[in-house]
Amino acid sequence: MKGKILVIENGSSAREFFLNSFGSTLRIEFSCDNQEELKTHRHSKPDAIIYDMEQQNTETLREIIDCNALGCHTPVIVIVSDNSLEFETTVRQQNVSYYFVKPLDVEELREAVESCVQFSKKNRLNRNFSNNFKG
């Protein structure tokens, strides 16, 4: 499953987890959970975005979704430490592909990431194919 993911997180333990879990099969970029740093990754074109939320921060989530509205169309996976029905409803209304509550089932997360990467690659291939036939 070659591909690239962008992990948005706040702590080095999250980086270690993602490197150990996906580092041998994916290229991983990391970004801190702040809007300025997110802007620098906007054009990196990852195959999936994983937002590991320490706090329920819908502002950063909206920034990610806004990036997708501008044309990225990158699948987003949200991971939260604490869940509430109200917050989960808000997140799911943002067209998030997958929503996980810690503690994580690593196999389920791996399957979600693989699905997102495959979707992105297929979507990118379809756009390229479609662009080749335009005027």
C-alpha atoms as a PDB file:
ATOM      1  CA  MET A   1       0.000   0.000   0.000  1.00  0.00           C
ATOM      2  CA  LYS A   2       2.354   2.764  -1.180  1.00  0.00           C
ATOM      3  CA  GLY A   3       1.011   6.220  -0.579  1.00  0.00           C
ATOM      4  CA  LYS A   4       1.371   9.336   1.522  1.00  0.00           C
ATOM      5  CA  ILE A   5      -0.574  10.390   4.603  1.00  0.00           C
ATOM      6  CA  LEU A   6      -0.608  13.627   6.540  1.00  0.00           C
ATOM      7  CA  VAL A   7      -0.991  13.148  10.281  1.00  0.00           C
ATOM      8  CA  ILE A   8      -2.159  16.177  12.248  1.00  0.00           C
ATOM      9  CA  GLU A   9      -1.363  15.720  15.915  1.00  0.00           C
ATOM     10  CA  ASN A  10      -0.032  17.312  19.079  1.00  0.00           C
ATOM     11  CA  GLY A  11       2.406  14.885  20.630  1.00  0.00           C
ATOM     12  CA  SER A  12       5.513  12.870  19.966  1.00  0.00           C
ATOM     13  CA  SER A  13       3.821   9.684  21.212  1.00  0.00           C
ATOM     14  CA  ALA A  14       1.342   9.984  18.340  1.00  0.00           C
ATOM     15  CA  ARG A  15       4.232  10.364  15.887  1.00  0.00           C
ATOM     16  CA  GLU A  16       5.882   7.261  17.273  1.00  0.00           C
ATOM     17  CA  PHE A  17       2.624   5.293  16.999  1.00  0.00           C
ATOM     18  CA  PHE A  18       2.063   6.279  13.356  1.00  0.00           C
ATOM     19  CA  LEU A  19       5.684   5.683  12.362  1.00  0.00           C
ATOM     20  CA  ASN A  20       5.628   2.224  13.979  1.00  0.00           C
ATOM     21  CA  SER A  21       2.223   1.364  12.499  1.00  0.00           C
ATOM     22  CA  PHE A  22       2.596   2.747   8.954  1.00  0.00           C
ATOM     23  CA  GLY A  23       6.179   3.893   8.437  1.00  0.00           C
ATOM     24  CA  SER A  24       7.208   0.814   6.467  1.00  0.00           C
ATOM     25  CA  THR A  25       4.287   1.002   4.019  1.00  0.00           C
ATOM     26  CA  LEU A  26       3.521   4.737   3.708  1.00  0.00           C
ATOM     27  CA  ARG A  27       5.293   8.040   3.490  1.00  0.00           C
ATOM     28  CA  ILE A  28       4.153  10.038   6.505  1.00  0.00           C
ATOM     29  CA  GLU A  29       4.183  13.807   6.965  1.00  0.00           C
ATOM     30  CA  PHE A  30       3.370  15.320  10.329  1.00  0.00           C
ATOM     31  CA  SER A  31       1.765  18.647  11.135  1.00  0.00           C
ATOM     32  CA  CYS A  32       0.969  20.217  14.469  1.00  0.00           C
ATOM     33  CA  ASP A  33      -2.623  20.986  15.285  1.00  0.00           C
ATOM     34  CA  ASN A  34      -2.509  24.653  14.284  1.00  0.00           C
ATOM     35  CA  GLN A  35      -3.855  26.459  11.272  1.00  0.00           C
ATOM     36  CA  GLU A  36      -0.602  28.158  10.269  1.00  0.00           C
ATOM     37  CA  GLU A  37       1.287  24.892   9.982  1.00  0.00           C
ATOM     38  CA  LEU A  38      -1.631  23.252   8.202  1.00  0.00           C
ATOM     39  CA  LYS A  39      -1.407  25.856   5.452  1.00  0.00           C
ATOM     40  CA  THR A  40       2.144  24.742   4.670  1.00  0.00           C
ATOM     41  CA  HIS A  41       0.891  21.200   3.988  1.00  0.00           C
ATOM     42  CA  ARG A  42      -2.063  22.238   1.854  1.00  0.00           C
ATOM     43  CA  HIS A  43      -0.305  21.500  -1.423  1.00  0.00           C
ATOM     44  CA  SER A  44       1.484  18.295  -0.402  1.00  0.00           C
ATOM     45  CA  LYS A  45      -1.393  16.205  -1.833  1.00  0.00           C
ATOM     46  CA  PRO A  46      -1.543  13.366   0.674  1.00  0.00           C
ATOM     47  CA  ASP A  47      -3.665  10.312  -0.063  1.00  0.00           C
ATOM     48  CA  ALA A  48      -5.295  10.576   3.362  1.00  0.00           C
ATOM     49  CA  ILE A  49      -5.369  12.993   6.282  1.00  0.00           C
ATOM     50  CA  ILE A  50      -5.460  11.628   9.820  1.00  0.00           C
ATOM     51  CA  TYR A  51      -6.476  14.145  12.455  1.00  0.00           C
ATOM     52  CA  ASP A  52      -5.536  12.824  15.900  1.00  0.00           C
ATOM     53  CA  MET A  53      -7.503  15.218  18.108  1.00  0.00           C
ATOM     54  CA  GLU A  54      -6.443  15.671  21.706  1.00  0.00           C
ATOM     55  CA  GLN A  55      -9.225  18.184  22.263  1.00  0.00           C
ATOM     56  CA  GLN A  56     -12.477  18.636  20.448  1.00  0.00           C
ATOM     57  CA  ASN A  57     -11.258  21.279  17.995  1.00  0.00           C
ATOM     58  CA  THR A  58     -13.804  21.805  15.253  1.00  0.00           C
ATOM     59  CA  GLU A  59     -11.940  24.895  14.016  1.00  0.00           C
ATOM     60  CA  THR A  60      -8.966  22.867  12.744  1.00  0.00           C
ATOM     61  CA  LEU A  61     -11.319  20.222  11.372  1.00  0.00           C
ATOM     62  CA  ARG A  62     -13.127  22.915   9.376  1.00  0.00           C
ATOM     63  CA  GLU A  63      -9.752  24.112   8.054  1.00  0.00           C
ATOM     64  CA  ILE A  64      -9.036  20.571   6.811  1.00  0.00           C
ATOM     65  CA  ILE A  65     -12.467  20.275   5.225  1.00  0.00           C
ATOM     66  CA  ASP A  66     -12.098  23.741   3.634  1.00  0.00           C
ATOM     67  CA  CYS A  67      -8.877  22.540   2.037  1.00  0.00           C
ATOM     68  CA  ASN A  68     -10.844  19.646   0.582  1.00  0.00           C
ATOM     69  CA  ALA A  69     -13.490  22.041  -0.703  1.00  0.00           C
ATOM     70  CA  LEU A  70     -10.731  23.828  -2.627  1.00  0.00           C
ATOM     71  CA  GLY A  71     -10.035  20.719  -4.626  1.00  0.00           C
ATOM     72  CA  CYS A  72      -7.967  18.267  -2.589  1.00  0.00           C
ATOM     73  CA  HIS A  73     -10.853  15.837  -2.012  1.00  0.00           C
ATOM     74  CA  THR A  74      -8.609  13.922   0.358  1.00  0.00           C
ATOM     75  CA  PRO A  75     -10.286  11.421   2.683  1.00  0.00           C
ATOM     76  CA  VAL A  76     -10.129  12.497   6.334  1.00  0.00           C
ATOM     77  CA  ILE A  77      -9.876  10.146   9.303  1.00  0.00           C
ATOM     78  CA  VAL A  78     -10.603  11.640  12.732  1.00  0.00           C
ATOM     79  CA  ILE A  79      -9.337  10.075  15.953  1.00  0.00           C
ATOM     80  CA  VAL A  80     -10.584  11.403  19.299  1.00  0.00           C
ATOM     81  CA  SER A  81      -9.665  10.678  22.904  1.00  0.00           C
ATOM     82  CA  ASP A  82     -12.995  11.649  24.409  1.00  0.00           C
ATOM     83  CA  ASN A  83     -16.268  11.164  22.639  1.00  0.00           C
ATOM     84  CA  SER A  84     -19.585  12.895  22.973  1.00  0.00           C
ATOM     85  CA  LEU A  85     -22.615  12.309  20.794  1.00  0.00           C
ATOM     86  CA  GLU A  86     -22.894  16.025  20.003  1.00  0.00           C
ATOM     87  CA  PHE A  87     -19.269  16.261  18.888  1.00  0.00           C
ATOM     88  CA  GLU A  88     -19.432  13.041  16.888  1.00  0.00           C
ATOM     89  CA  THR A  89     -22.521  14.330  15.079  1.00  0.00           C
ATOM     90  CA  THR A  90     -20.727  17.598  14.274  1.00  0.00           C
ATOM     91  CA  VAL A  91     -17.685  15.747  12.945  1.00  0.00           C
ATOM     92  CA  ARG A  92     -19.707  13.324  10.846  1.00  0.00           C
ATOM     93  CA  GLN A  93     -21.548  16.247   9.229  1.00  0.00           C
ATOM     94  CA  GLN A  94     -18.185  17.451   7.893  1.00  0.00           C
ATOM     95  CA  ASN A  95     -17.877  14.579   5.379  1.00  0.00           C
ATOM     96  CA  VAL A  96     -15.253  12.731   7.400  1.00  0.00           C
ATOM     97  CA  SER A  97     -14.451   9.292   5.969  1.00  0.00           C
ATOM     98  CA  TYR A  98     -13.758   7.502   9.270  1.00  0.00           C
ATOM     99  CA  TYR A  99     -14.228   8.379  12.940  1.00  0.00           C
ATOM    100  CA  PHE A 100     -12.361   6.480  15.687  1.00  0.00           C
ATOM    101  CA  VAL A 101     -12.436   6.765  19.478  1.00  0.00           C
ATOM    102  CA  LYS A 102      -9.343   5.781  21.464  1.00  0.00           C
ATOM    103  CA  PRO A 103      -8.194   3.214  22.373  1.00  0.00           C
ATOM    104  CA  LEU A 104      -7.639   2.297  18.736  1.00  0.00           C
ATOM    105  CA  ASP A 105      -7.964  -1.056  17.084  1.00  0.00           C
ATOM    106  CA  VAL A 106      -4.824  -0.862  14.934  1.00  0.00           C
ATOM    107  CA  GLU A 107      -6.152  -3.318  12.345  1.00  0.00           C
ATOM    108  CA  GLU A 108      -9.351  -1.292  11.882  1.00  0.00           C
ATOM    109  CA  LEU A 109      -7.295   1.880  11.505  1.00  0.00           C
ATOM    110  CA  ARG A 110      -4.967   0.150   9.036  1.00  0.00           C
ATOM    111  CA  GLU A 111      -7.966  -0.960   6.951  1.00  0.00           C
ATOM    112  CA  ALA A 112      -9.394   2.572   7.015  1.00  0.00           C
ATOM    113  CA  VAL A 113      -6.083   4.097   5.920  1.00  0.00           C
ATOM    114  CA  GLU A 114      -5.697   1.518   3.153  1.00  0.00           C
ATOM    115  CA  SER A 115      -9.226   2.226   1.955  1.00  0.00           C
ATOM    116  CA  CYS A 116      -8.584   5.991   1.920  1.00  0.00           C
ATOM    117  CA  VAL A 117      -5.277   5.629   0.064  1.00  0.00           C
ATOM    118  CA  GLN A 118      -6.878   3.370  -2.558  1.00  0.00           C
ATOM    119  CA  PHE A 119      -9.782   5.814  -2.945  1.00  0.00           C
ATOM    120  CA  SER A 120      -7.396   8.759  -3.438  1.00  0.00           C
ATOM    121  CA  LYS A 121      -5.281   6.957  -5.990  1.00  0.00           C
ATOM    122  CA  LYS A 122      -8.350   5.832  -7.938  1.00  0.00           C
ATOM    123  CA  ASN A 123      -9.849   9.327  -7.744  1.00  0.00           C
ATOM    124  CA  ARG A 124      -6.564  10.933  -8.902  1.00  0.00           C
ATOM    125  CA  LEU A 125      -6.285   8.438 -11.780  1.00  0.00           C
ATOM    126  CA  ASN A 126      -9.873   9.192 -12.855  1.00  0.00           C
ATOM    127  CA  ARG A 127      -9.208  12.968 -12.775  1.00  0.00           C
ATOM    128  CA  ASN A 128      -6.014  12.546 -14.828  1.00  0.00           C
ATOM    129  CA  PHE A 129      -7.808  10.300 -17.324  1.00  0.00           C
ATOM    130  CA  SER A 130     -10.667  12.786 -17.570  1.00  0.00           C
ATOM    131  CA  ASN A 131      -8.275  15.740 -18.031  1.00  0.00           C
ATOM    132  CA  ASN A 132      -6.552  13.964 -20.937  1.00  0.00           C
ATOM    133  CA  PHE A 133      -9.817  14.025 -22.894  1.00  0.00           C
ATOM    134  CA  LYS A 134     -10.643  17.676 -22.307  1.00  0.00           C
ATOM    135  CA  GLY A 135     -10.282  20.182 -25.093  1.00  0.00           C
END
